[in-house]
Amino acid sequence: MGNPVVWKDCKFLFATADPADISSGLSVLVDHEKILKVAPYEALVKQYGETAASWDVVDCSHKLVMPGLVDGHNHLCNTHMNLSRIFGINYDNIAEHMFTTIHDPYGWMTEECLYDISFLSALNAIKHGATTIENSTILPDTAFRAMQDAGCRGILAPQMATSFRLENDDLNWKQMLDRTERCIRDYHDPTHGMSVAVHIHDQWDTLEEVMLRGMAMAQKYDTKYVTHFWEFSDARDRADRQFASEGGAFLHYLNKGLINERCVFFHGSVLRESEIDRLAATGASVIHNPEINGTNCGNCAYIPYMLDAGVNVGVGSDYGSLDVMTSMKLSLLVHNIMPRAKKGLAPHQSFHLATLGGAKAYGLEDMIGSVEPGKRADLISIDLAQATHLAPMAASAIAYGPEILFFLFIRGCAGTETCDTMVDGRFLRRDGRFLLTDEPAAMEKANYWFEKFLPDLAKRRADGGHFARQIHPDYLCESDVDLEALLSK
């Protein structure tokens, strides 16, 4: 680390999601990896005296400064899967959809390919304000390197399932559990920028004994248990029929101990009100993914009800080519038009989802998610002199109703790029440019794989093959299969 850095004279500082904490004219002093103090610049100079002459000064007199955003759910390696939609998607049979448009493209990837695409996707997330990124992924060692090289704070989530295997990652269920445990031992170090979560891909493609062993592992290492949960109506309805004698799938998993305070559920798009009430009592978190839900399955999580019930909610982008700025805007808009009794989020609530809500989901709320002394220096700025789409951001509004500034920012923030980005006191971007990497070169490498993907996939399918294979049907109960026999398949 070099000299202390001062983010000087912020035109606006969104320190937290509380409108009362919006300020104009304050400065943020960073020393090493932490925020040291927030105060007027003159007061900082007076307090620290001659040492102020050595500070690295960032002129923020025309900038909006805020905590780095938390992308609570992403698959950094899946950007190319946007192309697989060309072969058609059937959301009425989610298991078939996942095999043809998700698992097959996953199985096509080499380690080099996964690194190049994941690295580019991490740059995209950082460029659009995310400093912390959850990454649900195959080939987790390669994914870890991509995240480390990009410089973000990460939550690495090695994917586990039992109903299928990939050509490039052909592990049985026991080997997957062993690999996840090794990743936790090797990489899980939240204070130094990387957490590792136990990741069950979904309830319908993973046998329950593996889920239970995964939960036991999360408890053993005091880490998070993350999974896609009720993203599609077809998945929920089939699971409810499977466990009808127990009152439905939600109650089954709740009674099995698979819904608790350690859980982070991606999507929750078709959770019912009674299930949300029970979820709130457990302390589990939900990551809302409005853009991918709108484009993929037409479902939308009942976020206003969840927040009123006390569920902690974060927000995510889900795909590497999307961004959490856009997800934050959509979280503000879509709930105004959903045909439900509870409508709309306040602008500060949308901001909370992308900051402290996501941080709390992963147990990082004491480190990140707000601009406060003692917290990690994960900061971003937006150059308002260039951001015509955010006008009119007027400092005089603070005296009359600061919530309007959250509204103006979030209504217009989709696709917004940062001017400066700092993680743990280290600049990743400054004056609108990456400092540690060559973005055009990263794009060129990823484009090679994007061009190669469709011809390779089309040829394999024309030959009657796939890059993934089924091990057992989805929606199986433990009594339907010999778990040990699956090890040799």
Protein backbone atom coordinates (compact mmCIF):
# COMPACT_ATOMS: atom_id res chain seq x y z
CA MET A 1 0.00 0.00 0.00
CA GLY A 2 1.14 3.55 -0.73
CA ASN A 3 0.30 6.84 0.93
CA PRO A 4 -3.12 7.52 2.45
CA VAL A 5 -5.79 8.50 -0.08
CA VAL A 6 -8.36 11.22 0.42
CA TRP A 7 -11.53 11.32 -1.66
CA LYS A 8 -11.80 15.09 -1.39
CA ASP A 9 -14.88 17.33 -1.32
CA CYS A 10 -17.43 14.78 -2.54
CA LYS A 11 -20.19 16.51 -4.49
CA PHE A 12 -22.39 13.81 -3.00
CA LEU A 13 -21.57 11.08 -0.52
CA PHE A 14 -24.13 8.28 -0.23
CA ALA A 15 -22.60 6.85 2.95
CA THR A 16 -25.47 4.46 3.71
CA ALA A 17 -28.95 3.70 2.42
CA ASP A 18 -30.43 6.19 4.90
CA PRO A 19 -31.38 9.42 3.10
CA ALA A 20 -30.33 11.32 6.24
CA ASP A 21 -26.75 10.19 5.57
CA ILE A 22 -26.55 11.86 2.14
CA SER A 23 -24.08 14.73 2.32
CA SER A 24 -22.27 17.22 0.11
CA GLY A 25 -18.75 18.52 0.66
CA LEU A 26 -17.36 15.81 2.94
CA SER A 27 -14.11 13.94 2.31
CA VAL A 28 -13.20 10.30 2.93
CA LEU A 29 -9.71 9.51 4.23
CA VAL A 30 -8.39 6.01 3.50
CA ASP A 31 -5.30 4.52 5.12
CA HIS A 32 -4.15 1.11 3.92
CA GLU A 33 -7.25 -1.07 3.47
CA LYS A 34 -9.63 0.84 5.76
CA ILE A 35 -11.65 4.03 5.91
CA LEU A 36 -9.99 6.17 8.56
CA LYS A 37 -12.31 9.16 8.81
CA VAL A 38 -15.15 11.01 7.06
CA ALA A 39 -15.06 14.78 7.60
CA PRO A 40 -14.59 18.11 5.80
CA TYR A 41 -11.18 18.26 4.12
CA GLU A 42 -10.05 21.24 6.18
CA ALA A 43 -10.82 19.35 9.40
CA LEU A 44 -8.79 16.37 8.20
CA VAL A 45 -5.81 18.57 7.35
CA LYS A 46 -6.03 20.28 10.72
CA GLN A 47 -6.15 16.95 12.56
CA TYR A 48 -3.34 15.21 10.67
CA GLY A 49 -1.10 18.22 10.12
CA GLU A 50 2.02 17.85 8.01
CA THR A 51 1.23 14.26 7.01
CA ALA A 52 -1.57 15.62 4.81
CA ALA A 53 1.05 16.80 2.34
CA SER A 54 1.74 13.16 1.40
CA TRP A 55 -1.89 12.21 0.75
CA ASP A 56 -2.97 11.01 -2.67
CA VAL A 57 -5.86 13.38 -3.42
CA VAL A 58 -8.83 12.39 -5.59
CA ASP A 59 -10.82 15.46 -6.59
CA CYS A 60 -14.45 14.48 -6.00
CA SER A 61 -15.97 17.95 -6.23
CA HIS A 62 -17.96 16.80 -9.28
CA LYS A 63 -18.41 13.18 -8.26
CA LEU A 64 -20.92 10.98 -6.48
CA VAL A 65 -19.08 8.71 -4.02
CA MET A 66 -20.65 5.62 -2.45
CA PRO A 67 -19.79 2.20 -1.08
CA GLY A 68 -18.83 -0.40 -3.66
CA LEU A 69 -21.86 -2.42 -4.75
CA VAL A 70 -22.41 -6.08 -3.93
CA ASP A 71 -23.38 -8.32 -6.85
CA GLY A 72 -25.02 -11.00 -4.73
CA HIS A 73 -25.41 -13.60 -7.47
CA ASN A 74 -23.49 -14.01 -10.70
CA HIS A 75 -22.10 -16.76 -12.92
CA LEU A 76 -19.02 -15.02 -14.29
CA CYS A 77 -18.31 -17.82 -16.76
CA ASN A 78 -21.73 -18.03 -18.41
CA THR A 79 -21.72 -14.99 -20.72
CA HIS A 80 -21.57 -17.20 -23.81
CA MET A 81 -24.80 -18.93 -22.76
CA ASN A 82 -26.75 -15.95 -24.04
CA LEU A 83 -25.98 -17.42 -27.47
CA SER A 84 -27.41 -20.85 -26.65
CA ARG A 85 -30.88 -19.31 -26.57
CA ILE A 86 -30.77 -19.63 -30.35
CA PHE A 87 -31.57 -23.34 -29.95
CA GLY A 88 -34.82 -22.59 -28.12
CA ILE A 89 -35.82 -22.58 -24.46
CA ASN A 90 -38.64 -24.47 -22.77
CA TYR A 91 -39.32 -23.02 -19.34
CA ASP A 92 -42.30 -25.33 -18.87
CA ASN A 93 -39.79 -28.17 -18.42
CA ILE A 94 -36.98 -26.61 -16.46
CA ALA A 95 -34.86 -29.78 -16.24
CA GLU A 96 -34.77 -30.07 -20.05
CA HIS A 97 -34.03 -26.36 -20.38
CA MET A 98 -31.12 -26.54 -17.95
CA PHE A 99 -29.50 -29.48 -19.71
CA THR A 100 -29.64 -28.02 -23.22
CA THR A 101 -29.01 -24.32 -22.58
CA ILE A 102 -26.93 -24.35 -19.36
CA HIS A 103 -25.19 -27.67 -18.65
CA ASP A 104 -24.18 -28.32 -22.26
CA PRO A 105 -22.54 -24.88 -22.64
CA TYR A 106 -20.84 -25.33 -19.26
CA GLY A 107 -19.43 -28.69 -20.35
CA TRP A 108 -17.98 -27.14 -23.53
CA MET A 109 -15.63 -24.82 -21.65
CA THR A 110 -11.92 -25.46 -21.21
CA GLU A 111 -10.03 -24.03 -18.24
CA GLU A 112 -8.49 -21.37 -20.48
CA CYS A 113 -11.92 -20.48 -21.83
CA LEU A 114 -13.46 -20.27 -18.37
CA TYR A 115 -10.64 -18.05 -17.14
CA ASP A 116 -10.88 -15.64 -20.08
CA ILE A 117 -14.67 -15.29 -19.92
CA SER A 118 -14.77 -15.08 -16.11
CA PHE A 119 -12.03 -12.46 -16.08
CA LEU A 120 -13.83 -10.30 -18.65
CA SER A 121 -17.11 -10.67 -16.75
CA ALA A 122 -15.42 -9.61 -13.51
CA LEU A 123 -14.12 -6.50 -15.27
CA ASN A 124 -17.64 -5.79 -16.51
CA ALA A 125 -19.00 -6.08 -12.97
CA ILE A 126 -16.26 -3.83 -11.56
CA LYS A 127 -16.71 -1.30 -14.34
CA HIS A 128 -20.37 -0.99 -13.36
CA GLY A 129 -19.83 -0.50 -9.65
CA ALA A 130 -19.54 -3.97 -8.10
CA THR A 131 -16.59 -4.40 -5.77
CA THR A 132 -17.90 -7.66 -4.24
CA ILE A 133 -19.07 -10.44 -6.57
CA GLU A 134 -20.63 -13.81 -5.79
CA ASN A 135 -19.53 -16.31 -8.44
CA SER A 136 -21.42 -19.61 -8.80
CA THR A 137 -19.13 -21.63 -11.01
CA ILE A 138 -17.64 -24.83 -12.30
CA LEU A 139 -13.83 -25.34 -12.27
CA PRO A 140 -13.52 -23.24 -9.09
CA ASP A 141 -9.72 -23.10 -8.95
CA THR A 142 -9.64 -21.41 -12.35
CA ALA A 143 -12.52 -19.13 -11.37
CA PHE A 144 -10.64 -18.16 -8.20
CA ARG A 145 -7.62 -17.07 -10.25
CA ALA A 146 -9.80 -14.96 -12.54
CA MET A 147 -11.41 -13.17 -9.61
CA GLN A 148 -8.08 -12.61 -7.87
CA ASP A 149 -6.52 -11.22 -11.03
CA ALA A 150 -9.47 -8.88 -11.60
CA GLY A 151 -9.06 -7.52 -8.06
CA CYS A 152 -12.61 -7.81 -6.76
CA ARG A 153 -13.73 -9.02 -3.36
CA GLY A 154 -15.25 -12.43 -4.02
CA ILE A 155 -17.61 -15.12 -2.84
CA LEU A 156 -16.54 -18.29 -4.64
CA ALA A 157 -19.32 -20.90 -4.90
CA PRO A 158 -18.21 -24.22 -6.46
CA GLN A 159 -21.25 -25.78 -8.11
CA MET A 160 -22.44 -29.24 -6.97
CA ALA A 161 -25.23 -31.43 -8.40
CA THR A 162 -25.87 -35.16 -8.76
CA SER A 163 -28.20 -35.55 -11.76
CA PHE A 164 -25.65 -34.57 -14.43
CA ARG A 165 -21.94 -34.38 -15.07
CA LEU A 166 -19.95 -32.18 -17.41
CA GLU A 167 -17.38 -33.35 -19.92
CA ASN A 168 -14.83 -30.88 -18.55
CA ASP A 169 -15.65 -31.37 -14.85
CA ASP A 170 -16.61 -35.03 -14.56
CA LEU A 171 -16.71 -35.43 -10.78
CA ASN A 172 -19.05 -37.67 -8.83
CA TRP A 173 -20.99 -36.29 -5.88
CA LYS A 174 -18.40 -37.33 -3.31
CA GLN A 175 -15.57 -35.76 -5.30
CA MET A 176 -17.59 -32.54 -5.58
CA LEU A 177 -18.03 -32.39 -1.82
CA ASP A 178 -14.33 -33.06 -1.32
CA ARG A 179 -13.41 -30.30 -3.77
CA THR A 180 -15.69 -27.79 -2.09
CA GLU A 181 -14.11 -28.61 1.27
CA ARG A 182 -10.63 -28.18 -0.20
CA CYS A 183 -11.62 -24.82 -1.69
CA ILE A 184 -12.85 -23.69 1.72
CA ARG A 185 -9.57 -24.72 3.31
CA ASP A 186 -7.44 -23.17 0.56
CA TYR A 187 -9.33 -19.99 -0.28
CA HIS A 188 -11.85 -19.04 2.42
CA ASP A 189 -10.41 -15.91 4.03
CA PRO A 190 -13.01 -13.12 4.13
CA THR A 191 -10.67 -10.66 5.85
CA HIS A 192 -8.36 -10.90 2.84
CA GLY A 193 -11.02 -10.62 0.18
CA MET A 194 -12.31 -14.13 -0.59
CA SER A 195 -15.13 -16.15 0.92
CA VAL A 196 -16.09 -19.65 -0.18
CA ALA A 197 -19.70 -20.85 0.05
CA VAL A 198 -21.14 -24.35 -0.17
CA HIS A 199 -23.18 -24.30 -3.39
CA ILE A 200 -25.89 -26.82 -4.20
CA HIS A 201 -27.00 -26.02 -7.74
CA ASP A 202 -30.70 -26.65 -7.14
CA GLN A 203 -33.03 -28.87 -5.13
CA TRP A 204 -34.38 -30.78 -8.10
CA ASP A 205 -31.01 -31.84 -9.57
CA THR A 206 -29.23 -32.75 -6.33
CA LEU A 207 -30.08 -35.68 -4.08
CA GLU A 208 -31.05 -34.72 -0.57
CA GLU A 209 -28.25 -36.60 1.17
CA VAL A 210 -25.73 -34.45 -0.71
CA MET A 211 -27.63 -31.32 0.33
CA LEU A 212 -27.51 -32.43 3.95
CA ARG A 213 -23.79 -33.16 3.74
CA GLY A 214 -23.28 -29.76 2.15
CA MET A 215 -25.17 -28.06 4.97
CA ALA A 216 -23.08 -29.96 7.53
CA MET A 217 -19.94 -28.72 5.77
CA ALA A 218 -21.18 -25.12 5.83
CA GLN A 219 -21.82 -25.45 9.56
CA LYS A 220 -18.43 -27.07 10.18
CA TYR A 221 -16.56 -24.20 8.52
CA ASP A 222 -19.04 -21.45 9.48
CA THR A 223 -19.66 -20.40 5.91
CA LYS A 224 -22.73 -19.84 3.75
CA TYR A 225 -24.94 -22.40 2.01
CA VAL A 226 -26.15 -21.01 -1.32
CA THR A 227 -28.53 -22.42 -3.89
CA HIS A 228 -30.98 -21.49 -6.64
CA PHE A 229 -34.37 -21.62 -4.98
CA TRP A 230 -37.81 -21.43 -6.56
CA GLU A 231 -36.74 -19.57 -9.67
CA PHE A 232 -39.25 -21.33 -11.94
CA SER A 233 -42.90 -22.24 -11.44
CA ASP A 234 -42.34 -25.65 -13.02
CA ALA A 235 -39.63 -26.51 -10.47
CA ARG A 236 -41.72 -25.41 -7.51
CA ASP A 237 -44.89 -27.15 -8.67
CA ARG A 238 -43.16 -30.46 -9.38
CA ALA A 239 -41.37 -30.35 -6.03
CA ASP A 240 -44.65 -29.60 -4.26
CA ARG A 241 -46.22 -32.67 -5.83
CA GLN A 242 -43.19 -34.72 -4.81
CA PHE A 243 -43.62 -33.73 -1.16
CA ALA A 244 -47.40 -33.26 -1.10
CA SER A 245 -47.82 -35.55 1.92
CA GLU A 246 -45.58 -33.20 3.95
CA GLY A 247 -47.41 -30.00 3.03
CA GLY A 248 -45.21 -29.17 0.04
CA ALA A 249 -41.53 -28.79 -0.74
CA PHE A 250 -40.86 -25.68 1.34
CA LEU A 251 -42.03 -27.34 4.55
CA HIS A 252 -40.12 -30.49 3.66
CA TYR A 253 -36.82 -28.62 3.30
CA LEU A 254 -37.54 -26.48 6.35
CA ASN A 255 -38.14 -29.56 8.49
CA LYS A 256 -34.96 -31.16 7.13
CA GLY A 257 -32.88 -28.21 8.33
CA LEU A 258 -32.09 -27.02 4.80
CA ILE A 259 -33.63 -23.58 5.31
CA ASN A 260 -31.88 -21.62 8.05
CA GLU A 261 -29.84 -18.50 8.82
CA ARG A 262 -26.85 -19.88 6.90
CA CYS A 263 -28.78 -19.96 3.61
CA VAL A 264 -28.57 -17.52 0.73
CA PHE A 265 -31.29 -18.28 -1.81
CA PHE A 266 -30.91 -17.03 -5.37
CA HIS A 267 -34.12 -15.71 -6.96
CA GLY A 268 -37.01 -16.86 -4.72
CA SER A 269 -39.18 -15.77 -7.63
CA VAL A 270 -42.22 -17.95 -6.90
CA LEU A 271 -42.17 -18.07 -3.10
CA ARG A 272 -45.67 -17.73 -1.68
CA GLU A 273 -46.55 -15.27 1.08
CA SER A 274 -46.87 -18.02 3.71
CA GLU A 275 -43.44 -19.34 2.71
CA ILE A 276 -41.94 -15.86 2.89
CA ASP A 277 -43.29 -15.49 6.43
CA ARG A 278 -41.62 -18.74 7.45
CA LEU A 279 -38.43 -17.78 5.61
CA ALA A 280 -38.23 -14.52 7.56
CA ALA A 281 -38.29 -16.43 10.83
CA THR A 282 -35.24 -18.49 9.81
CA GLY A 283 -32.90 -15.56 9.07
CA ALA A 284 -32.14 -16.78 5.53
CA SER A 285 -31.38 -14.20 2.82
CA VAL A 286 -32.68 -13.86 -0.75
CA ILE A 287 -30.79 -12.44 -3.72
CA HIS A 288 -33.15 -10.72 -6.16
CA ASN A 289 -32.24 -10.98 -9.87
CA PRO A 290 -34.87 -8.87 -11.66
CA GLU A 291 -33.26 -8.62 -15.08
CA ILE A 292 -32.63 -12.31 -15.68
CA ASN A 293 -36.01 -13.26 -14.18
CA GLY A 294 -37.75 -10.88 -16.55
CA THR A 295 -35.90 -12.13 -19.63
CA ASN A 296 -35.85 -15.82 -18.74
CA CYS A 297 -39.00 -16.92 -16.96
CA GLY A 298 -41.37 -14.01 -16.44
CA ASN A 299 -41.37 -14.42 -12.66
CA CYS A 300 -40.49 -11.77 -10.12
CA ALA A 301 -39.78 -12.27 -6.43
CA TYR A 302 -42.24 -10.54 -4.10
CA ILE A 303 -39.61 -8.19 -2.69
CA PRO A 304 -41.92 -5.59 -1.09
CA TYR A 305 -43.57 -8.38 0.91
CA MET A 306 -40.19 -9.91 1.80
CA LEU A 307 -38.84 -6.63 3.14
CA ASP A 308 -41.99 -5.96 5.16
CA ALA A 309 -41.74 -9.49 6.58
CA GLY A 310 -38.14 -8.89 7.66
CA VAL A 311 -36.29 -11.00 5.08
CA ASN A 312 -32.81 -9.72 4.29
CA VAL A 313 -32.57 -9.14 0.53
CA GLY A 314 -29.65 -8.40 -1.76
CA VAL A 315 -29.54 -7.98 -5.52
CA GLY A 316 -27.58 -9.71 -8.27
CA SER A 317 -27.04 -9.66 -12.02
CA ASP A 318 -26.82 -13.46 -12.58
CA TYR A 319 -25.05 -13.27 -15.97
CA GLY A 320 -21.52 -12.02 -16.56
CA SER A 321 -22.59 -9.60 -19.28
CA LEU A 322 -25.20 -7.94 -17.05
CA ASP A 323 -24.52 -5.53 -14.19
CA VAL A 324 -25.75 -4.73 -10.71
CA MET A 325 -26.37 -1.05 -11.54
CA THR A 326 -29.09 -2.18 -13.94
CA SER A 327 -30.41 -4.71 -11.43
CA MET A 328 -30.67 -1.95 -8.84
CA LYS A 329 -32.71 0.21 -11.23
CA LEU A 330 -34.99 -2.68 -12.16
CA SER A 331 -35.60 -3.46 -8.50
CA LEU A 332 -37.01 0.06 -8.23
CA LEU A 333 -39.18 -0.18 -11.34
CA VAL A 334 -40.63 -3.67 -11.65
CA HIS A 335 -42.37 -3.78 -8.30
CA ASN A 336 -44.47 -0.75 -9.25
CA ILE A 337 -46.16 -2.73 -12.03
CA MET A 338 -46.42 -6.23 -10.55
CA PRO A 339 -50.11 -7.09 -9.96
CA ARG A 340 -49.76 -7.61 -6.22
CA ALA A 341 -51.20 -6.05 -3.08
CA LYS A 342 -47.85 -4.63 -1.96
CA LYS A 343 -46.24 -2.47 -4.62
CA GLY A 344 -43.06 -0.54 -5.07
CA LEU A 345 -39.79 -0.01 -3.27
CA ALA A 346 -38.57 3.32 -1.97
CA PRO A 347 -35.39 4.39 -3.80
CA HIS A 348 -33.29 4.01 -0.66
CA GLN A 349 -34.50 0.41 -0.36
CA SER A 350 -33.17 -0.40 -3.84
CA PHE A 351 -29.85 1.14 -2.83
CA HIS A 352 -29.83 -0.96 0.35
CA LEU A 353 -30.28 -4.17 -1.68
CA ALA A 354 -27.12 -3.42 -3.66
CA THR A 355 -25.02 -2.42 -0.66
CA LEU A 356 -25.68 -3.48 2.93
CA GLY A 357 -28.35 -6.05 1.98
CA GLY A 358 -25.89 -8.00 -0.14
CA ALA A 359 -23.13 -7.56 2.44
CA LYS A 360 -25.35 -8.93 5.22
CA ALA A 361 -26.37 -11.94 3.11
CA TYR A 362 -22.74 -13.09 3.11
CA GLY A 363 -21.89 -12.07 6.67
CA LEU A 364 -19.78 -9.12 5.53
CA GLU A 365 -21.89 -6.26 6.91
CA ASP A 366 -19.23 -5.31 9.48
CA MET A 367 -16.65 -4.94 6.69
CA ILE A 368 -18.42 -3.47 3.67
CA GLY A 369 -21.73 -2.05 2.46
CA SER A 370 -21.43 1.51 3.82
CA VAL A 371 -18.89 4.33 4.08
CA GLU A 372 -17.96 4.40 7.76
CA PRO A 373 -14.68 4.69 9.69
CA GLY A 374 -13.23 1.26 10.40
CA LYS A 375 -14.85 -0.43 7.41
CA ARG A 376 -12.93 -1.64 4.40
CA ALA A 377 -12.20 0.97 1.76
CA ASP A 378 -14.42 -0.45 -0.98
CA LEU A 379 -15.46 2.77 -2.71
CA ILE A 380 -16.69 3.88 -6.11
CA SER A 381 -17.26 7.25 -7.72
CA ILE A 382 -19.35 8.44 -10.64
CA ASP A 383 -18.31 11.54 -12.56
CA LEU A 384 -21.46 13.66 -12.58
CA ALA A 385 -19.84 16.10 -15.02
CA GLN A 386 -20.09 13.31 -17.61
CA ALA A 387 -23.26 11.55 -16.40
CA THR A 388 -25.95 13.50 -18.23
CA HIS A 389 -28.39 10.62 -17.64
CA LEU A 390 -28.34 11.31 -13.88
CA ALA A 391 -29.30 14.99 -14.10
CA PRO A 392 -30.51 16.98 -12.20
CA MET A 393 -28.44 15.94 -9.17
CA ALA A 394 -28.60 19.20 -7.21
CA ALA A 395 -26.90 19.54 -3.82
CA SER A 396 -29.58 22.00 -2.74
CA ALA A 397 -32.04 19.08 -2.67
CA ILE A 398 -30.40 17.77 0.51
CA ALA A 399 -32.04 20.53 2.54
CA TYR A 400 -35.51 19.85 1.13
CA GLY A 401 -35.73 16.09 0.66
CA PRO A 402 -32.58 13.99 0.16
CA GLU A 403 -34.57 10.89 -0.91
CA ILE A 404 -34.99 12.58 -4.31
CA LEU A 405 -31.26 12.12 -4.89
CA PHE A 406 -31.57 8.35 -4.42
CA PHE A 407 -34.50 8.44 -6.84
CA LEU A 408 -32.63 10.40 -9.51
CA PHE A 409 -29.58 8.18 -9.24
CA ILE A 410 -31.34 4.81 -9.23
CA ARG A 411 -33.89 5.73 -11.91
CA GLY A 412 -31.05 6.60 -14.28
CA CYS A 413 -28.21 4.34 -13.15
CA ALA A 414 -28.62 1.38 -15.55
CA GLY A 415 -25.30 0.73 -17.27
CA THR A 416 -23.51 3.54 -15.42
CA GLU A 417 -19.71 3.15 -15.36
CA THR A 418 -17.53 4.17 -12.46
CA CYS A 419 -14.87 6.83 -12.63
CA ASP A 420 -12.89 5.49 -9.67
CA THR A 421 -13.10 2.06 -8.03
CA MET A 422 -11.22 1.00 -4.92
CA VAL A 423 -11.19 -2.39 -3.15
CA ASP A 424 -9.43 -2.75 0.20
CA GLY A 425 -7.75 0.61 -0.34
CA ARG A 426 -6.33 -0.34 -3.75
CA PHE A 427 -7.47 1.42 -6.92
CA LEU A 428 -8.77 -0.89 -9.64
CA ARG A 429 -10.05 2.00 -11.76
CA ARG A 430 -9.07 5.65 -11.78
CA ASP A 431 -10.34 8.44 -13.99
CA GLY A 432 -12.46 5.95 -15.91
CA ARG A 433 -9.65 3.50 -16.74
CA PHE A 434 -8.53 0.15 -15.36
CA LEU A 435 -5.12 0.38 -13.73
CA LEU A 436 -4.18 -3.28 -13.32
CA THR A 437 -5.32 -4.84 -16.57
CA ASP A 438 -5.70 -4.32 -20.30
CA GLU A 439 -9.46 -4.30 -20.91
CA PRO A 440 -9.32 -4.45 -24.76
CA ALA A 441 -6.95 -7.43 -24.58
CA ALA A 442 -9.32 -9.20 -22.18
CA MET A 443 -12.20 -8.54 -24.57
CA GLU A 444 -10.22 -9.91 -27.51
CA LYS A 445 -9.46 -13.16 -25.66
CA ALA A 446 -13.09 -13.66 -24.65
CA ASN A 447 -14.33 -12.86 -28.16
CA TYR A 448 -12.30 -15.79 -29.49
CA TRP A 449 -14.37 -18.14 -27.33
CA PHE A 450 -17.66 -16.40 -28.14
CA GLU A 451 -17.03 -16.95 -31.86
CA LYS A 452 -16.03 -20.57 -31.33
CA PHE A 453 -18.93 -21.60 -29.08
CA LEU A 454 -21.92 -21.89 -31.43
CA PRO A 455 -20.13 -23.82 -34.21
CA ASP A 456 -18.73 -26.26 -31.64
CA LEU A 457 -22.10 -26.75 -29.97
CA ALA A 458 -23.93 -27.14 -33.28
CA LYS A 459 -21.41 -29.71 -34.52
CA ARG A 460 -21.61 -31.77 -31.32
CA ARG A 461 -25.40 -31.83 -31.49
CA ALA A 462 -25.39 -32.66 -35.20
CA ASP A 463 -23.26 -35.67 -34.28
CA GLY A 464 -25.89 -36.66 -31.71
CA GLY A 465 -23.78 -35.77 -28.69
CA HIS A 466 -23.56 -33.33 -25.80
CA PHE A 467 -20.92 -31.81 -23.54
CA ALA A 468 -22.88 -33.02 -20.51
CA ARG A 469 -24.53 -36.30 -19.57
CA GLN A 470 -27.35 -37.30 -17.31
CA ILE A 471 -26.53 -39.45 -14.28
CA HIS A 472 -30.05 -39.82 -12.92
CA PRO A 473 -33.46 -38.21 -13.56
CA ASP A 474 -34.26 -34.99 -11.73
CA TYR A 475 -36.77 -34.84 -8.86
CA LEU A 476 -35.67 -38.12 -7.29
CA CYS A 477 -36.18 -39.11 -3.66
CA GLU A 478 -33.44 -40.93 -1.78
CA SER A 479 -35.40 -44.17 -1.97
CA ASP A 480 -35.38 -44.01 -5.78
CA VAL A 481 -31.62 -44.41 -6.23
CA ASP A 482 -28.54 -46.04 -4.73
CA LEU A 483 -26.32 -43.09 -3.88
CA GLU A 484 -23.16 -45.19 -3.70
CA ALA A 485 -23.87 -46.70 -7.12
CA LEU A 486 -23.80 -43.22 -8.64
CA LEU A 487 -20.11 -42.87 -7.78
CA SER A 488 -19.07 -45.14 -10.65
CA LYS A 489 -21.45 -43.76 -13.28
